[in-house]
C-alpha atoms as a PDB file:
ATOM      1  CA  MET A   1     105.341 104.867 147.623  1.00  0.00           C
ATOM      2  CA  GLU A   2     105.543 104.668 143.829  1.00  0.00           C
ATOM      3  CA  ARG A   3     105.198 101.226 142.300  1.00  0.00           C
ATOM      4  CA  ARG A   4     107.680 100.507 139.548  1.00  0.00           C
ATOM      5  CA  LYS A   5     106.713  98.261 136.704  1.00  0.00           C
ATOM      6  CA  LYS A   6     108.927  95.208 136.426  1.00  0.00           C
ATOM      7  CA  ASN A   7     110.919  94.885 133.236  1.00  0.00           C
ATOM      8  CA  GLY A   8     113.533  92.600 131.772  1.00  0.00           C
ATOM      9  CA  LEU A   9     114.479  89.421 133.551  1.00  0.00           C
ATOM     10  CA  SER A  10     112.396  90.185 136.638  1.00  0.00           C
ATOM     11  CA  ALA A  11     109.275  90.548 134.474  1.00  0.00           C
ATOM     12  CA  LEU A  12     109.476  87.014 133.079  1.00  0.00           C
ATOM     13  CA  THR A  13     108.609  83.893 135.020  1.00  0.00           C
ATOM     14  CA  GLU A  14     111.109  81.036 135.233  1.00  0.00           C
ATOM     15  CA  ARG A  15     109.026  79.083 132.720  1.00  0.00           C
ATOM     16  CA  GLU A  16     108.939  82.037 130.321  1.00  0.00           C
ATOM     17  CA  GLN A  17     112.712  82.377 130.616  1.00  0.00           C
ATOM     18  CA  GLU A  18     113.081  78.669 129.904  1.00  0.00           C
ATOM     19  CA  ILE A  19     110.845  78.908 126.824  1.00  0.00           C
ATOM     20  CA  LEU A  20     112.641  82.043 125.651  1.00  0.00           C
ATOM     21  CA  GLN A  21     115.946  80.174 125.751  1.00  0.00           C
ATOM     22  CA  LEU A  22     114.432  77.294 123.749  1.00  0.00           C
ATOM     23  CA  ILE A  23     113.091  79.762 121.162  1.00  0.00           C
ATOM     24  CA  TRP A  24     116.595  81.233 120.939  1.00  0.00           C
ATOM     25  CA  ASN A  25     117.940  77.705 120.422  1.00  0.00           C
ATOM     26  CA  GLY A  26     115.674  77.400 117.370  1.00  0.00           C
ATOM     27  CA  LEU A  27     112.967  75.090 118.690  1.00  0.00           C
ATOM     28  CA  LYS A  28     109.439  75.381 117.335  1.00  0.00           C
ATOM     29  CA  ASN A  29     106.399  75.565 119.616  1.00  0.00           C
ATOM     30  CA  ARG A  30     105.641  71.862 119.169  1.00  0.00           C
ATOM     31  CA  GLU A  31     109.244  70.907 119.973  1.00  0.00           C
ATOM     32  CA  ILE A  32     109.222  73.137 123.056  1.00  0.00           C
ATOM     33  CA  GLY A  33     105.953  71.593 124.187  1.00  0.00           C
ATOM     34  CA  ASN A  34     107.295  68.081 123.730  1.00  0.00           C
ATOM     35  CA  ARG A  35     110.509  68.866 125.588  1.00  0.00           C
ATOM     36  CA  LEU A  36     108.720  70.530 128.517  1.00  0.00           C
ATOM     37  CA  LYS A  37     105.755  68.142 128.481  1.00  0.00           C
ATOM     38  CA  ILE A  38     103.241  70.948 127.985  1.00  0.00           C
ATOM     39  CA  SER A  39     100.753  71.619 125.200  1.00  0.00           C
ATOM     40  CA  VAL A  40     101.498  73.729 122.152  1.00  0.00           C
ATOM     41  CA  LYS A  41      98.704  76.079 123.307  1.00  0.00           C
ATOM     42  CA  THR A  42     100.519  76.582 126.609  1.00  0.00           C
ATOM     43  CA  VAL A  43     103.759  77.371 124.775  1.00  0.00           C
ATOM     44  CA  GLU A  44     101.856  79.858 122.599  1.00  0.00           C
ATOM     45  CA  ALA A  45     100.342  81.467 125.705  1.00  0.00           C
ATOM     46  CA  HIS A  46     103.771  81.853 127.313  1.00  0.00           C
ATOM     47  CA  ARG A  47     105.161  83.347 124.103  1.00  0.00           C
ATOM     48  CA  ALA A  48     102.246  85.821 123.904  1.00  0.00           C
ATOM     49  CA  ASN A  49     102.745  86.794 127.558  1.00  0.00           C
ATOM     50  CA  MET A  50     106.466  87.410 126.987  1.00  0.00           C
ATOM     51  CA  MET A  51     105.734  89.522 123.934  1.00  0.00           C
ATOM     52  CA  LYS A  52     103.231  91.594 125.894  1.00  0.00           C
ATOM     53  CA  LYS A  53     105.613  92.061 128.835  1.00  0.00           C
ATOM     54  CA  LEU A  54     108.480  93.098 126.546  1.00  0.00           C
ATOM     55  CA  ARG A  55     106.121  95.194 124.376  1.00  0.00           C
ATOM     56  CA  VAL A  56     106.938  93.546 121.058  1.00  0.00           C
ATOM     57  CA  SER A  57     104.776  92.137 118.279  1.00  0.00           C
ATOM     58  CA  ASN A  58     106.749  89.315 116.677  1.00  0.00           C
ATOM     59  CA  ALA A  59     109.371  86.652 117.408  1.00  0.00           C
ATOM     60  CA  ALA A  60     112.263  88.628 115.908  1.00  0.00           C
ATOM     61  CA  GLN A  61     111.472  91.607 118.139  1.00  0.00           C
ATOM     62  CA  LEU A  62     111.076  89.247 121.109  1.00  0.00           C
ATOM     63  CA  LEU A  63     114.584  87.875 120.617  1.00  0.00           C
ATOM     64  CA  LYS A  64     116.033  91.351 119.984  1.00  0.00           C
ATOM     65  CA  ALA A  65     114.446  92.700 123.179  1.00  0.00           C
ATOM     66  CA  ALA A  66     115.632  89.643 125.100  1.00  0.00           C
ATOM     67  CA  ILE A  67     119.213  90.225 123.941  1.00  0.00           C
ATOM     68  CA  GLU A  68     119.025  93.914 124.828  1.00  0.00           C
ATOM     69  CA  GLU A  69     117.644  93.068 128.290  1.00  0.00           C
ATOM     70  CA  GLY A  70     120.301  90.408 128.871  1.00  0.00           C
ATOM     71  CA  LEU A  71     117.698  87.639 128.994  1.00  0.00           C
ATOM     72  CA  ILE A  72     119.379  85.390 126.433  1.00  0.00           C
ATOM     73  CA  ARG A  73     122.454  83.342 127.222  1.00  0.00           C
ATOM     74  CA  PHE A  74     124.547  82.634 124.164  1.00  0.00           C
ATOM     75  CA  ARG A  75     128.072  81.653 123.304  1.00  0.00           C
ATOM     76  CA  LEU A  76     130.138  82.872 120.416  1.00  0.00           C
ATOM     77  CA  ALA A  77     131.765  80.073 118.429  1.00  0.00           C
END
């Protein structure tokens, strides 16, 4: 049986999805850490893991990929 690589929403953990949403909301790593009661280093590690999973190299590409994959929830004003 062929193993398929997970992508999109199924590739990200619940915590990564939570952090992704906070990044989308404009929070900085320190603010995310404070809100979630985790260290800035942990936030950075989650961000790096998301970028690796979505095969991107910066925050703008991360958000673009997240939108394309349907990982970001947003409302139009």
